[in-house]
Amino acid sequence: MAEAATAEIRAEMNENWWIPLIQGIAAVLLGILLLTYPGATMVIIAGFLGFYWLVSGVMNLVALFIDRTNWGWKLFIGILGILAGFVVVSNIFEHPLATTIGLAGVYVWVLGLQGLIIGVIEIIQAFQGAGWGRGILGVLSVIIGIFLMGNALFAAFAVPMVFGILMIVFGAMAVFMAFKFKSA
């Protein structure tokens, strides 16, 4: 049964090999733009993100009227999306660079907070018997989280370079996998 499902998935991947190819090429191009024109590319990405949040927030509120399950969560996410999208969209045209740097700074701060939380959880798990390897990784995660939260503006300037490199690497991997799917 599992072998038949695996064969079906492989056949579908071989048939649709061009999808990761297009995604990979787009990722590589976006990565190159982030490395060569970081300011302009980040402003465009921030503008798209603001519009996405705005539309997504409205859609979450519409979904609330269609399906009332998890209504509190849909209401919260809808309002948050509309507010975040409105803040970004209303400021991106007047202060594009400041809005983009602020958005990147918030993103870095959220990553730092996430690093702190994950690090503390891993340290607790290490003391509960998960091993000292997990504890060491937890301490490193806490240190990186504190560094990011303490230097959010500085780290925000590294976001285009880091994302640009990651986009090129993952895009190249997607292109490689597309040709592997095609030849299989």
N, C-alpha and C. Protein backbone atom coordinates (compact mmCIF):
# COMPACT_ATOMS: atom_id res chain seq x y z
N MET A 1 0.83 -1.19 0.00
CA MET A 1 0.00 0.00 0.00
C MET A 1 0.88 1.26 0.00
N ALA A 2 1.87 1.28 0.90
CA ALA A 2 2.74 2.44 0.98
C ALA A 2 3.60 2.57 -0.27
N GLU A 3 3.99 1.44 -0.86
CA GLU A 3 4.80 1.48 -2.07
C GLU A 3 4.01 2.05 -3.24
N ALA A 4 2.72 1.73 -3.31
CA ALA A 4 1.88 2.26 -4.38
C ALA A 4 1.72 3.77 -4.24
N ALA A 5 1.55 4.22 -3.01
CA ALA A 5 1.43 5.66 -2.78
C ALA A 5 2.73 6.37 -3.12
N THR A 6 3.86 5.77 -2.77
CA THR A 6 5.15 6.36 -3.08
C THR A 6 5.36 6.43 -4.59
N ALA A 7 4.99 5.37 -5.30
CA ALA A 7 5.12 5.36 -6.76
C ALA A 7 4.23 6.43 -7.39
N GLU A 8 3.04 6.62 -6.84
CA GLU A 8 2.13 7.64 -7.36
C GLU A 8 2.70 9.04 -7.13
N ILE A 9 3.28 9.26 -5.97
CA ILE A 9 3.89 10.57 -5.67
C ILE A 9 5.07 10.82 -6.59
N ARG A 10 5.90 9.80 -6.81
CA ARG A 10 7.06 9.95 -7.72
C ARG A 10 6.60 10.26 -9.13
N ALA A 11 5.55 9.58 -9.59
CA ALA A 11 5.05 9.84 -10.94
C ALA A 11 4.55 11.27 -11.07
N GLU A 12 3.86 11.75 -10.04
CA GLU A 12 3.37 13.13 -10.07
C GLU A 12 4.52 14.12 -10.03
N MET A 13 5.57 13.84 -9.25
CA MET A 13 6.73 14.73 -9.19
C MET A 13 7.46 14.74 -10.54
N ASN A 14 7.56 13.59 -11.19
CA ASN A 14 8.20 13.53 -12.50
C ASN A 14 7.40 14.31 -13.54
N GLU A 15 6.08 14.28 -13.42
CA GLU A 15 5.22 14.98 -14.36
C GLU A 15 5.26 16.50 -14.14
N ASN A 16 5.38 16.92 -12.90
CA ASN A 16 5.36 18.36 -12.55
C ASN A 16 6.75 18.86 -12.18
N TRP A 17 7.78 18.38 -12.83
CA TRP A 17 9.15 18.76 -12.51
C TRP A 17 9.42 20.24 -12.74
N TRP A 18 8.63 20.86 -13.59
CA TRP A 18 8.85 22.26 -13.94
C TRP A 18 8.45 23.22 -12.82
N ILE A 19 7.62 22.78 -11.89
CA ILE A 19 7.20 23.68 -10.80
C ILE A 19 8.38 24.05 -9.90
N PRO A 20 9.16 23.07 -9.36
CA PRO A 20 10.33 23.49 -8.58
C PRO A 20 11.38 24.20 -9.42
N LEU A 21 11.40 23.95 -10.73
CA LEU A 21 12.34 24.66 -11.60
C LEU A 21 12.02 26.15 -11.61
N ILE A 22 10.75 26.49 -11.81
CA ILE A 22 10.33 27.89 -11.83
C ILE A 22 10.54 28.53 -10.46
N GLN A 23 10.18 27.80 -9.40
CA GLN A 23 10.37 28.32 -8.05
C GLN A 23 11.86 28.55 -7.78
N GLY A 24 12.70 27.63 -8.20
CA GLY A 24 14.13 27.76 -7.97
C GLY A 24 14.72 28.93 -8.72
N ILE A 25 14.33 29.10 -9.98
CA ILE A 25 14.84 30.24 -10.77
C ILE A 25 14.39 31.55 -10.14
N ALA A 26 13.13 31.62 -9.71
CA ALA A 26 12.62 32.84 -9.07
C ALA A 26 13.38 33.12 -7.78
N ALA A 27 13.66 32.08 -7.01
CA ALA A 27 14.39 32.26 -5.75
C ALA A 27 15.81 32.75 -6.01
N VAL A 28 16.48 32.18 -7.00
CA VAL A 28 17.84 32.62 -7.32
C VAL A 28 17.83 34.08 -7.77
N LEU A 29 16.88 34.46 -8.63
CA LEU A 29 16.80 35.84 -9.09
C LEU A 29 16.52 36.80 -7.92
N LEU A 30 15.60 36.41 -7.04
CA LEU A 30 15.31 37.25 -5.88
C LEU A 30 16.54 37.35 -4.97
N GLY A 31 17.26 36.25 -4.80
CA GLY A 31 18.49 36.27 -4.00
C GLY A 31 19.52 37.20 -4.58
N ILE A 32 19.68 37.17 -5.90
CA ILE A 32 20.63 38.07 -6.56
C ILE A 32 20.22 39.53 -6.37
N LEU A 33 18.91 39.79 -6.51
CA LEU A 33 18.42 41.16 -6.28
C LEU A 33 18.66 41.61 -4.85
N LEU A 34 18.46 40.71 -3.89
CA LEU A 34 18.70 41.07 -2.49
C LEU A 34 20.17 41.38 -2.23
N LEU A 35 21.06 40.71 -2.93
CA LEU A 35 22.50 40.97 -2.74
C LEU A 35 22.99 42.18 -3.51
N THR A 36 22.40 42.46 -4.67
CA THR A 36 22.89 43.57 -5.48
C THR A 36 22.14 44.89 -5.21
N TYR A 37 20.85 44.82 -4.96
CA TYR A 37 20.03 46.00 -4.67
C TYR A 37 19.24 45.77 -3.38
N PRO A 38 19.91 45.68 -2.24
CA PRO A 38 19.20 45.28 -1.02
C PRO A 38 18.11 46.25 -0.59
N GLY A 39 18.37 47.54 -0.66
CA GLY A 39 17.39 48.52 -0.19
C GLY A 39 16.12 48.49 -1.01
N ALA A 40 16.26 48.61 -2.33
CA ALA A 40 15.09 48.65 -3.20
C ALA A 40 14.31 47.33 -3.14
N THR A 41 15.03 46.21 -3.12
CA THR A 41 14.36 44.91 -3.09
C THR A 41 13.60 44.73 -1.78
N MET A 42 14.20 45.12 -0.67
CA MET A 42 13.52 44.99 0.61
C MET A 42 12.31 45.91 0.71
N VAL A 43 12.38 47.10 0.10
CA VAL A 43 11.22 48.00 0.10
C VAL A 43 10.07 47.37 -0.67
N ILE A 44 10.37 46.76 -1.82
CA ILE A 44 9.33 46.10 -2.61
C ILE A 44 8.74 44.92 -1.84
N ILE A 45 9.60 44.12 -1.21
CA ILE A 45 9.13 42.98 -0.42
C ILE A 45 8.26 43.46 0.74
N ALA A 46 8.68 44.53 1.40
CA ALA A 46 7.90 45.08 2.52
C ALA A 46 6.54 45.57 2.04
N GLY A 47 6.49 46.21 0.87
CA GLY A 47 5.21 46.66 0.33
C GLY A 47 4.28 45.49 0.04
N PHE A 48 4.82 44.45 -0.61
CA PHE A 48 4.01 43.26 -0.87
C PHE A 48 3.54 42.62 0.43
N LEU A 49 4.42 42.57 1.42
CA LEU A 49 4.06 41.97 2.71
C LEU A 49 2.93 42.77 3.38
N GLY A 50 3.01 44.10 3.31
CA GLY A 50 1.95 44.93 3.88
C GLY A 50 0.61 44.68 3.21
N PHE A 51 0.60 44.64 1.87
CA PHE A 51 -0.64 44.35 1.15
C PHE A 51 -1.14 42.95 1.47
N TYR A 52 -0.22 41.99 1.57
CA TYR A 52 -0.62 40.62 1.91
C TYR A 52 -1.29 40.57 3.28
N TRP A 53 -0.68 41.23 4.28
CA TRP A 53 -1.26 41.24 5.62
C TRP A 53 -2.64 41.88 5.61
N LEU A 54 -2.79 42.96 4.87
CA LEU A 54 -4.07 43.66 4.81
C LEU A 54 -5.15 42.76 4.20
N VAL A 55 -4.86 42.15 3.07
CA VAL A 55 -5.83 41.27 2.40
C VAL A 55 -6.08 40.03 3.25
N SER A 56 -5.03 39.47 3.81
CA SER A 56 -5.18 38.28 4.65
C SER A 56 -6.04 38.57 5.88
N GLY A 57 -5.86 39.75 6.47
CA GLY A 57 -6.68 40.13 7.62
C GLY A 57 -8.15 40.24 7.26
N VAL A 58 -8.43 40.85 6.12
CA VAL A 58 -9.82 40.97 5.65
C VAL A 58 -10.39 39.58 5.39
N MET A 59 -9.60 38.71 4.76
CA MET A 59 -10.07 37.34 4.45
C MET A 59 -10.35 36.56 5.73
N ASN A 60 -9.55 36.76 6.77
CA ASN A 60 -9.81 36.09 8.04
C ASN A 60 -11.12 36.57 8.66
N LEU A 61 -11.41 37.84 8.52
CA LEU A 61 -12.69 38.33 9.04
C LEU A 61 -13.85 37.81 8.22
N VAL A 62 -13.69 37.72 6.90
CA VAL A 62 -14.73 37.14 6.05
C VAL A 62 -14.94 35.67 6.43
N ALA A 63 -13.85 34.95 6.66
CA ALA A 63 -13.94 33.54 7.05
C ALA A 63 -14.70 33.38 8.36
N LEU A 64 -14.63 34.38 9.20
CA LEU A 64 -15.34 34.34 10.46
C LEU A 64 -16.86 34.26 10.24
N PHE A 65 -17.36 34.94 9.21
CA PHE A 65 -18.80 34.91 8.93
C PHE A 65 -19.21 33.63 8.22
N ILE A 66 -18.28 32.97 7.55
CA ILE A 66 -18.59 31.72 6.83
C ILE A 66 -18.52 30.53 7.77
N ASP A 67 -17.49 30.49 8.60
CA ASP A 67 -17.27 29.37 9.51
C ASP A 67 -16.94 29.93 10.89
N ARG A 68 -17.79 29.69 11.86
CA ARG A 68 -17.62 30.28 13.19
C ARG A 68 -16.71 29.49 14.11
N THR A 69 -16.14 28.37 13.65
CA THR A 69 -15.20 27.64 14.51
C THR A 69 -13.95 28.48 14.69
N ASN A 70 -13.39 28.44 15.86
CA ASN A 70 -12.19 29.23 16.21
C ASN A 70 -12.42 30.72 15.95
N TRP A 71 -13.60 31.21 16.27
CA TRP A 71 -13.95 32.58 15.94
C TRP A 71 -13.05 33.60 16.65
N GLY A 72 -12.63 33.30 17.87
CA GLY A 72 -11.76 34.23 18.60
C GLY A 72 -10.41 34.38 17.92
N TRP A 73 -9.87 33.26 17.50
CA TRP A 73 -8.57 33.27 16.83
C TRP A 73 -8.68 33.98 15.48
N LYS A 74 -9.73 33.71 14.71
CA LYS A 74 -9.92 34.36 13.41
C LYS A 74 -10.10 35.86 13.57
N LEU A 75 -10.84 36.26 14.59
CA LEU A 75 -11.04 37.69 14.85
C LEU A 75 -9.72 38.36 15.21
N PHE A 76 -8.95 37.73 16.11
CA PHE A 76 -7.66 38.29 16.52
C PHE A 76 -6.70 38.40 15.35
N ILE A 77 -6.56 37.32 14.57
CA ILE A 77 -5.64 37.31 13.44
C ILE A 77 -6.11 38.29 12.36
N GLY A 78 -7.42 38.37 12.15
CA GLY A 78 -7.95 39.31 11.16
C GLY A 78 -7.66 40.75 11.52
N ILE A 79 -7.93 41.12 12.75
CA ILE A 79 -7.67 42.49 13.20
C ILE A 79 -6.18 42.79 13.19
N LEU A 80 -5.37 41.84 13.68
CA LEU A 80 -3.92 42.03 13.68
C LEU A 80 -3.38 42.20 12.26
N GLY A 81 -3.86 41.37 11.32
CA GLY A 81 -3.42 41.47 9.93
C GLY A 81 -3.80 42.80 9.31
N ILE A 82 -5.01 43.25 9.56
CA ILE A 82 -5.45 44.53 9.01
C ILE A 82 -4.63 45.68 9.59
N LEU A 83 -4.41 45.66 10.91
CA LEU A 83 -3.62 46.73 11.53
C LEU A 83 -2.17 46.73 11.02
N ALA A 84 -1.54 45.56 11.00
CA ALA A 84 -0.15 45.48 10.53
C ALA A 84 -0.05 45.88 9.07
N GLY A 85 -0.97 45.39 8.25
CA GLY A 85 -0.96 45.75 6.84
C GLY A 85 -1.19 47.24 6.63
N PHE A 86 -2.10 47.82 7.39
CA PHE A 86 -2.37 49.25 7.26
C PHE A 86 -1.15 50.08 7.65
N VAL A 87 -0.47 49.69 8.73
CA VAL A 87 0.72 50.43 9.17
C VAL A 87 1.80 50.39 8.09
N VAL A 88 2.03 49.21 7.53
CA VAL A 88 3.08 49.07 6.52
C VAL A 88 2.69 49.80 5.24
N VAL A 89 1.47 49.58 4.75
CA VAL A 89 1.04 50.17 3.48
C VAL A 89 0.96 51.69 3.58
N SER A 90 0.49 52.20 4.69
CA SER A 90 0.36 53.66 4.81
C SER A 90 1.71 54.35 4.96
N ASN A 91 2.72 53.65 5.42
CA ASN A 91 4.03 54.28 5.60
C ASN A 91 5.03 53.94 4.50
N ILE A 92 4.80 52.89 3.72
CA ILE A 92 5.79 52.44 2.75
C ILE A 92 6.02 53.47 1.65
N PHE A 93 5.01 54.27 1.32
CA PHE A 93 5.16 55.25 0.25
C PHE A 93 5.79 56.54 0.75
N GLU A 94 5.52 56.93 2.00
CA GLU A 94 6.09 58.16 2.55
C GLU A 94 7.50 57.95 3.09
N HIS A 95 7.71 56.85 3.78
CA HIS A 95 9.01 56.56 4.41
C HIS A 95 9.42 55.12 4.07
N PRO A 96 9.76 54.85 2.81
CA PRO A 96 9.99 53.46 2.42
C PRO A 96 11.16 52.80 3.15
N LEU A 97 12.27 53.50 3.28
CA LEU A 97 13.43 52.87 3.91
C LEU A 97 13.22 52.68 5.40
N ALA A 98 12.65 53.68 6.08
CA ALA A 98 12.40 53.57 7.51
C ALA A 98 11.40 52.45 7.80
N THR A 99 10.37 52.34 6.98
CA THR A 99 9.37 51.28 7.17
C THR A 99 10.01 49.91 6.98
N THR A 100 10.84 49.79 5.96
CA THR A 100 11.49 48.51 5.66
C THR A 100 12.46 48.12 6.77
N ILE A 101 13.27 49.07 7.24
CA ILE A 101 14.22 48.78 8.31
C ILE A 101 13.47 48.44 9.60
N GLY A 102 12.39 49.17 9.86
CA GLY A 102 11.58 48.87 11.05
C GLY A 102 10.96 47.49 10.98
N LEU A 103 10.46 47.12 9.81
CA LEU A 103 9.87 45.80 9.63
C LEU A 103 10.92 44.71 9.80
N ALA A 104 12.10 44.92 9.22
CA ALA A 104 13.19 43.95 9.39
C ALA A 104 13.63 43.88 10.85
N GLY A 105 13.64 45.03 11.54
CA GLY A 105 14.00 45.03 12.96
C GLY A 105 13.00 44.26 13.81
N VAL A 106 11.72 44.41 13.50
CA VAL A 106 10.69 43.64 14.22
C VAL A 106 10.88 42.16 13.96
N TYR A 107 11.16 41.80 12.70
CA TYR A 107 11.37 40.40 12.35
C TYR A 107 12.56 39.83 13.13
N VAL A 108 13.63 40.57 13.20
CA VAL A 108 14.81 40.12 13.94
C VAL A 108 14.48 39.98 15.43
N TRP A 109 13.72 40.91 15.97
CA TRP A 109 13.35 40.84 17.38
C TRP A 109 12.49 39.61 17.65
N VAL A 110 11.56 39.30 16.75
CA VAL A 110 10.73 38.10 16.89
C VAL A 110 11.60 36.85 16.83
N LEU A 111 12.56 36.82 15.91
CA LEU A 111 13.48 35.68 15.85
C LEU A 111 14.27 35.54 17.14
N GLY A 112 14.70 36.66 17.70
CA GLY A 112 15.42 36.62 18.97
C GLY A 112 14.57 36.08 20.10
N LEU A 113 13.33 36.51 20.17
CA LEU A 113 12.40 36.01 21.18
C LEU A 113 12.15 34.52 21.00
N GLN A 114 12.00 34.10 19.76
CA GLN A 114 11.82 32.69 19.46
C GLN A 114 13.06 31.89 19.90
N GLY A 115 14.24 32.43 19.65
CA GLY A 115 15.47 31.77 20.09
C GLY A 115 15.53 31.62 21.60
N LEU A 116 15.11 32.65 22.31
CA LEU A 116 15.07 32.57 23.77
C LEU A 116 14.13 31.48 24.26
N ILE A 117 12.93 31.47 23.71
CA ILE A 117 11.93 30.48 24.15
C ILE A 117 12.40 29.07 23.84
N ILE A 118 12.87 28.84 22.62
CA ILE A 118 13.34 27.51 22.24
C ILE A 118 14.54 27.11 23.09
N GLY A 119 15.44 28.05 23.35
CA GLY A 119 16.61 27.75 24.17
C GLY A 119 16.26 27.35 25.59
N VAL A 120 15.33 28.07 26.20
CA VAL A 120 14.91 27.74 27.56
C VAL A 120 14.24 26.37 27.59
N ILE A 121 13.41 26.07 26.59
CA ILE A 121 12.76 24.76 26.54
C ILE A 121 13.81 23.65 26.40
N GLU A 122 14.82 23.87 25.56
CA GLU A 122 15.86 22.85 25.38
C GLU A 122 16.69 22.67 26.64
N ILE A 123 16.96 23.74 27.36
CA ILE A 123 17.71 23.62 28.62
C ILE A 123 16.90 22.83 29.64
N ILE A 124 15.61 23.12 29.72
CA ILE A 124 14.74 22.37 30.65
C ILE A 124 14.72 20.90 30.27
N GLN A 125 14.61 20.60 28.97
CA GLN A 125 14.61 19.21 28.52
C GLN A 125 15.95 18.53 28.82
N ALA A 126 17.03 19.27 28.76
CA ALA A 126 18.34 18.69 29.07
C ALA A 126 18.40 18.26 30.54
N PHE A 127 17.84 19.08 31.42
CA PHE A 127 17.82 18.72 32.84
C PHE A 127 16.83 17.59 33.14
N GLN A 128 15.89 17.35 32.22
CA GLN A 128 14.94 16.26 32.40
C GLN A 128 15.43 14.95 31.79
N GLY A 129 16.67 14.95 31.31
CA GLY A 129 17.27 13.72 30.82
C GLY A 129 17.44 13.61 29.32
N ALA A 130 17.24 14.70 28.58
CA ALA A 130 17.37 14.64 27.12
C ALA A 130 18.83 14.68 26.67
N GLY A 131 19.74 14.94 27.57
CA GLY A 131 21.16 14.95 27.22
C GLY A 131 21.74 16.35 27.23
N TRP A 132 23.06 16.38 27.42
CA TRP A 132 23.73 17.67 27.51
C TRP A 132 23.92 18.33 26.14
N GLY A 133 23.84 17.53 25.08
CA GLY A 133 23.89 18.12 23.74
C GLY A 133 22.75 19.09 23.52
N ARG A 134 21.58 18.68 23.97
CA ARG A 134 20.41 19.55 23.86
C ARG A 134 20.58 20.78 24.76
N GLY A 135 21.18 20.60 25.91
CA GLY A 135 21.41 21.72 26.81
C GLY A 135 22.38 22.74 26.22
N ILE A 136 23.43 22.24 25.57
CA ILE A 136 24.41 23.14 24.93
C ILE A 136 23.75 23.91 23.80
N LEU A 137 22.94 23.22 23.00
CA LEU A 137 22.21 23.91 21.92
C LEU A 137 21.22 24.92 22.49
N GLY A 138 20.61 24.59 23.63
CA GLY A 138 19.70 25.52 24.27
C GLY A 138 20.42 26.78 24.73
N VAL A 139 21.60 26.62 25.33
CA VAL A 139 22.39 27.78 25.78
C VAL A 139 22.78 28.64 24.57
N LEU A 140 23.22 27.99 23.49
CA LEU A 140 23.57 28.74 22.27
C LEU A 140 22.35 29.49 21.72
N SER A 141 21.21 28.85 21.74
CA SER A 141 19.99 29.49 21.26
C SER A 141 19.62 30.70 22.11
N VAL A 142 19.79 30.59 23.42
CA VAL A 142 19.52 31.72 24.31
C VAL A 142 20.50 32.87 24.03
N ILE A 143 21.77 32.54 23.84
CA ILE A 143 22.78 33.57 23.57
C ILE A 143 22.47 34.30 22.26
N ILE A 144 22.14 33.52 21.21
CA ILE A 144 21.81 34.13 19.93
C ILE A 144 20.54 34.97 20.05
N GLY A 145 19.54 34.46 20.78
CA GLY A 145 18.31 35.22 20.98
C GLY A 145 18.56 36.54 21.68
N ILE A 146 19.38 36.53 22.73
CA ILE A 146 19.71 37.77 23.44
C ILE A 146 20.47 38.73 22.52
N PHE A 147 21.41 38.18 21.74
CA PHE A 147 22.17 39.02 20.80
C PHE A 147 21.24 39.68 19.79
N LEU A 148 20.32 38.89 19.21
CA LEU A 148 19.41 39.45 18.21
C LEU A 148 18.48 40.50 18.81
N MET A 149 17.95 40.23 20.01
CA MET A 149 17.05 41.19 20.64
C MET A 149 17.78 42.46 21.06
N GLY A 150 19.04 42.30 21.47
CA GLY A 150 19.82 43.46 21.89
C GLY A 150 20.35 44.28 20.74
N ASN A 151 20.48 43.69 19.56
CA ASN A 151 21.04 44.36 18.39
C ASN A 151 20.10 44.25 17.19
N ALA A 152 18.81 44.43 17.41
CA ALA A 152 17.82 44.20 16.36
C ALA A 152 18.04 45.12 15.16
N LEU A 153 18.34 46.38 15.39
CA LEU A 153 18.53 47.31 14.28
C LEU A 153 19.78 46.95 13.49
N PHE A 154 20.86 46.61 14.18
CA PHE A 154 22.09 46.21 13.51
C PHE A 154 21.86 44.93 12.71
N ALA A 155 21.19 43.97 13.32
CA ALA A 155 20.94 42.69 12.64
C ALA A 155 19.97 42.87 11.48
N ALA A 156 19.08 43.88 11.56
CA ALA A 156 18.13 44.12 10.47
C ALA A 156 18.84 44.47 9.17
N PHE A 157 19.99 45.12 9.28
CA PHE A 157 20.74 45.47 8.07
C PHE A 157 21.36 44.24 7.42
N ALA A 158 21.50 43.14 8.17
CA ALA A 158 22.05 41.91 7.61
C ALA A 158 20.97 41.04 6.97
N VAL A 159 19.70 41.36 7.20
CA VAL A 159 18.60 40.54 6.68
C VAL A 159 18.67 40.38 5.15
N PRO A 160 18.86 41.45 4.36
CA PRO A 160 18.91 41.23 2.90
C PRO A 160 20.05 40.30 2.47
N MET A 161 21.21 40.45 3.09
CA MET A 161 22.34 39.60 2.72
C MET A 161 22.08 38.15 3.10
N VAL A 162 21.59 37.92 4.30
CA VAL A 162 21.32 36.55 4.77
C VAL A 162 20.24 35.92 3.90
N PHE A 163 19.13 36.63 3.69
CA PHE A 163 18.05 36.09 2.86
C PHE A 163 18.51 35.90 1.42
N GLY A 164 19.33 36.82 0.91
CA GLY A 164 19.83 36.69 -0.46
C GLY A 164 20.65 35.43 -0.64
N ILE A 165 21.54 35.16 0.30
CA ILE A 165 22.35 33.94 0.22
C ILE A 165 21.47 32.70 0.34
N LEU A 166 20.54 32.71 1.30
CA LEU A 166 19.64 31.56 1.47
C LEU A 166 18.78 31.33 0.23
N MET A 167 18.28 32.41 -0.37
CA MET A 167 17.46 32.27 -1.57
C MET A 167 18.25 31.65 -2.71
N ILE A 168 19.50 32.08 -2.87
CA ILE A 168 20.33 31.52 -3.95
C ILE A 168 20.60 30.04 -3.69
N VAL A 169 20.96 29.69 -2.47
CA VAL A 169 21.26 28.29 -2.14
C VAL A 169 20.02 27.42 -2.33
N PHE A 170 18.90 27.81 -1.72
CA PHE A 170 17.70 26.99 -1.82
C PHE A 170 17.13 26.99 -3.25
N GLY A 171 17.27 28.10 -3.96
CA GLY A 171 16.84 28.13 -5.35
C GLY A 171 17.64 27.19 -6.22
N ALA A 172 18.97 27.18 -6.02
CA ALA A 172 19.83 26.26 -6.77
C ALA A 172 19.47 24.81 -6.45
N MET A 173 19.17 24.54 -5.18
CA MET A 173 18.77 23.18 -4.80
C MET A 173 17.46 22.79 -5.48
N ALA A 174 16.52 23.73 -5.57
CA ALA A 174 15.23 23.44 -6.21
C ALA A 174 15.42 23.17 -7.70
N VAL A 175 16.30 23.95 -8.35
CA VAL A 175 16.58 23.72 -9.77
C VAL A 175 17.21 22.34 -9.96
N PHE A 176 18.16 22.00 -9.10
CA PHE A 176 18.80 20.68 -9.17
C PHE A 176 17.77 19.57 -9.01
N MET A 177 16.88 19.71 -8.02
CA MET A 177 15.86 18.68 -7.78
C MET A 177 14.88 18.59 -8.95
N ALA A 178 14.57 19.73 -9.58
CA ALA A 178 13.66 19.70 -10.72
C ALA A 178 14.23 18.85 -11.85
N PHE A 179 15.52 19.04 -12.14
CA PHE A 179 16.13 18.24 -13.19
C PHE A 179 16.28 16.79 -12.78
N LYS A 180 16.45 16.55 -11.49
CA LYS A 180 16.50 15.16 -11.01
C LYS A 180 15.13 14.49 -11.18
N PHE A 181 14.04 15.24 -10.88
CA PHE A 181 12.69 14.70 -11.08
C PHE A 181 12.43 14.42 -12.55
N LYS A 182 12.88 15.33 -13.41
CA LYS A 182 12.65 15.19 -14.84
C LYS A 182 13.35 13.94 -15.39
N SER A 183 14.56 13.70 -14.94
CA SER A 183 15.33 12.58 -15.47
C SER A 183 14.91 11.23 -14.89
N ALA A 184 14.21 11.26 -13.77
CA ALA A 184 13.81 10.00 -13.12
C ALA A 184 12.67 9.31 -13.83
